[in-house]
Amino acid sequence: MAKVIGFELNSQEPEKAATFYSAVFGWETGEPHWDYRSVTTGKDAESGINGGIAKGPKDYPHGTRIQIEVESMDDAISKAKEYGAMIVREKMEFDDFFLAYLVDPMGLGFGLIQKKQRGK
């Protein structure tokens, strides 16, 4: 079963958003990396989902997207398309994971993450 492992808050003013969420909720935000700031919403022993604040791209300038971890990015994309999803950003490769953005048939945006296998 795929699970939600994070969130992404998109804003055209990510610095202002980071200040807001840190001040109001006590979230810890990291330094910008690729226009993305990591967000910690609780310590490891506390419940909560961590995520990030990013400068929203043209295809999603404002809003929140959940990040869903899957075992196979290709299988998940194929099945999502079969059930009416649109791919907003094709599978992208990062150091430790693959990431893609889709929109479901109702118009909600979400991300898919597949962790890379260690040692491969």
Protein backbone atom coordinates (compact mmCIF):
# COMPACT_ATOMS: atom_id res chain seq x y z
CA MET A 1 0.00 0.00 0.00
CA ALA A 2 1.38 3.41 -0.94
CA LYS A 3 1.51 5.92 1.89
CA VAL A 4 1.66 9.68 2.21
CA ILE A 5 5.18 10.58 3.31
CA GLY A 6 5.26 14.34 2.89
CA PHE A 7 3.73 17.51 1.58
CA GLU A 8 4.82 20.43 -0.56
CA LEU A 9 3.49 23.95 -0.07
CA ASN A 10 3.91 25.97 -3.27
CA SER A 11 4.14 29.74 -3.12
CA GLN A 12 5.46 32.54 -5.29
CA GLU A 13 6.99 33.95 -2.07
CA PRO A 14 8.58 30.91 -0.40
CA GLU A 15 10.69 33.00 2.01
CA LYS A 16 7.55 34.69 3.33
CA ALA A 17 5.75 31.33 3.58
CA ALA A 18 8.68 29.80 5.50
CA THR A 19 8.64 32.71 7.96
CA PHE A 20 4.86 32.42 8.40
CA TYR A 21 4.78 28.66 9.09
CA SER A 22 7.82 28.83 11.37
CA ALA A 23 6.34 31.68 13.42
CA VAL A 24 2.76 30.39 13.61
CA PHE A 25 3.34 26.64 14.02
CA GLY A 26 6.97 26.36 15.16
CA TRP A 27 7.98 24.38 12.07
CA GLU A 28 11.70 24.23 11.33
CA THR A 29 12.58 25.18 7.76
CA GLY A 30 15.86 24.41 6.05
CA GLU A 31 17.97 26.57 3.80
CA PRO A 32 16.80 26.82 0.18
CA HIS A 33 18.00 24.12 -2.19
CA TRP A 34 16.65 24.21 -5.78
CA ASP A 35 14.00 26.75 -4.64
CA TYR A 36 12.86 24.17 -2.06
CA ARG A 37 13.11 24.37 1.73
CA SER A 38 12.66 21.24 3.81
CA VAL A 39 10.13 21.49 6.64
CA THR A 40 10.16 19.54 9.91
CA THR A 41 6.81 19.56 11.70
CA GLY A 42 7.82 17.45 14.71
CA LYS A 43 10.61 15.44 16.23
CA ASP A 44 11.03 11.77 15.30
CA ALA A 45 9.14 10.56 18.40
CA GLU A 46 6.18 12.83 17.61
CA SER A 47 3.52 12.09 15.04
CA GLY A 48 3.39 14.31 11.99
CA ILE A 49 4.39 14.49 8.38
CA ASN A 50 7.38 16.51 7.22
CA GLY A 51 7.54 18.21 3.87
CA GLY A 52 8.76 21.34 2.17
CA ILE A 53 8.04 24.82 0.93
CA ALA A 54 8.86 25.51 -2.70
CA LYS A 55 8.62 28.32 -5.19
CA GLY A 56 5.59 27.18 -7.14
CA PRO A 57 6.30 26.26 -10.76
CA LYS A 58 4.21 27.54 -13.67
CA ASP A 59 2.14 24.34 -13.65
CA TYR A 60 1.30 24.69 -9.92
CA PRO A 61 2.08 28.22 -8.70
CA HIS A 62 0.09 28.04 -5.41
CA GLY A 63 -1.29 25.22 -3.32
CA THR A 64 -0.47 22.08 -1.41
CA ARG A 65 0.41 18.69 -2.86
CA ILE A 66 0.88 15.48 -0.92
CA GLN A 67 3.78 13.20 -1.74
CA ILE A 68 2.92 9.50 -2.05
CA GLU A 69 5.69 6.91 -1.82
CA VAL A 70 5.35 4.02 -4.28
CA GLU A 71 7.40 0.91 -4.91
CA SER A 72 7.39 1.36 -8.70
CA MET A 73 7.06 4.82 -10.21
CA ASP A 74 6.41 3.42 -13.68
CA ASP A 75 3.64 1.08 -12.49
CA ALA A 76 1.97 3.83 -10.43
CA ILE A 77 2.05 6.31 -13.33
CA SER A 78 0.65 3.73 -15.73
CA LYS A 79 -2.21 2.82 -13.38
CA ALA A 80 -2.95 6.49 -12.58
CA LYS A 81 -3.17 7.28 -16.31
CA GLU A 82 -5.45 4.28 -16.83
CA TYR A 83 -7.83 5.78 -14.26
CA GLY A 84 -7.77 9.26 -15.80
CA ALA A 85 -4.82 11.08 -14.23
CA MET A 86 -2.72 13.55 -16.22
CA ILE A 87 1.05 13.74 -15.90
CA VAL A 88 2.14 17.28 -15.08
CA ARG A 89 5.86 16.49 -14.77
CA GLU A 90 7.39 13.29 -16.03
CA LYS A 91 9.57 11.13 -13.80
CA MET A 92 12.59 13.16 -12.61
CA GLU A 93 15.73 11.74 -11.04
CA PHE A 94 17.32 13.13 -7.88
CA ASP A 95 20.17 11.79 -5.74
CA ASP A 96 18.13 9.39 -3.59
CA PHE A 97 14.72 9.22 -5.27
CA PHE A 98 12.58 9.65 -8.37
CA LEU A 99 9.73 12.19 -8.40
CA ALA A 100 6.78 12.85 -10.72
CA TYR A 101 3.76 15.16 -10.48
CA LEU A 102 0.26 14.21 -11.59
CA VAL A 103 -3.26 15.59 -11.42
CA ASP A 104 -6.12 13.24 -10.62
CA PRO A 105 -9.37 13.21 -12.66
CA MET A 106 -10.94 15.67 -10.19
CA GLY A 107 -8.12 18.21 -10.61
CA LEU A 108 -6.13 17.56 -7.41
CA GLY A 109 -2.36 17.64 -7.77
CA PHE A 110 -0.07 15.11 -6.08
CA GLY A 111 3.49 13.86 -6.25
CA LEU A 112 4.81 10.32 -6.53
CA ILE A 113 8.14 9.40 -4.94
CA GLN A 114 10.12 6.20 -5.44
CA LYS A 115 13.21 5.81 -3.28
CA LYS A 116 16.27 4.49 -5.04
CA GLN A 117 17.55 1.10 -4.00
CA ARG A 118 20.67 1.28 -1.87
CA GLY A 119 23.81 0.03 -3.58
CA LYS A 120 22.41 0.31 -7.10
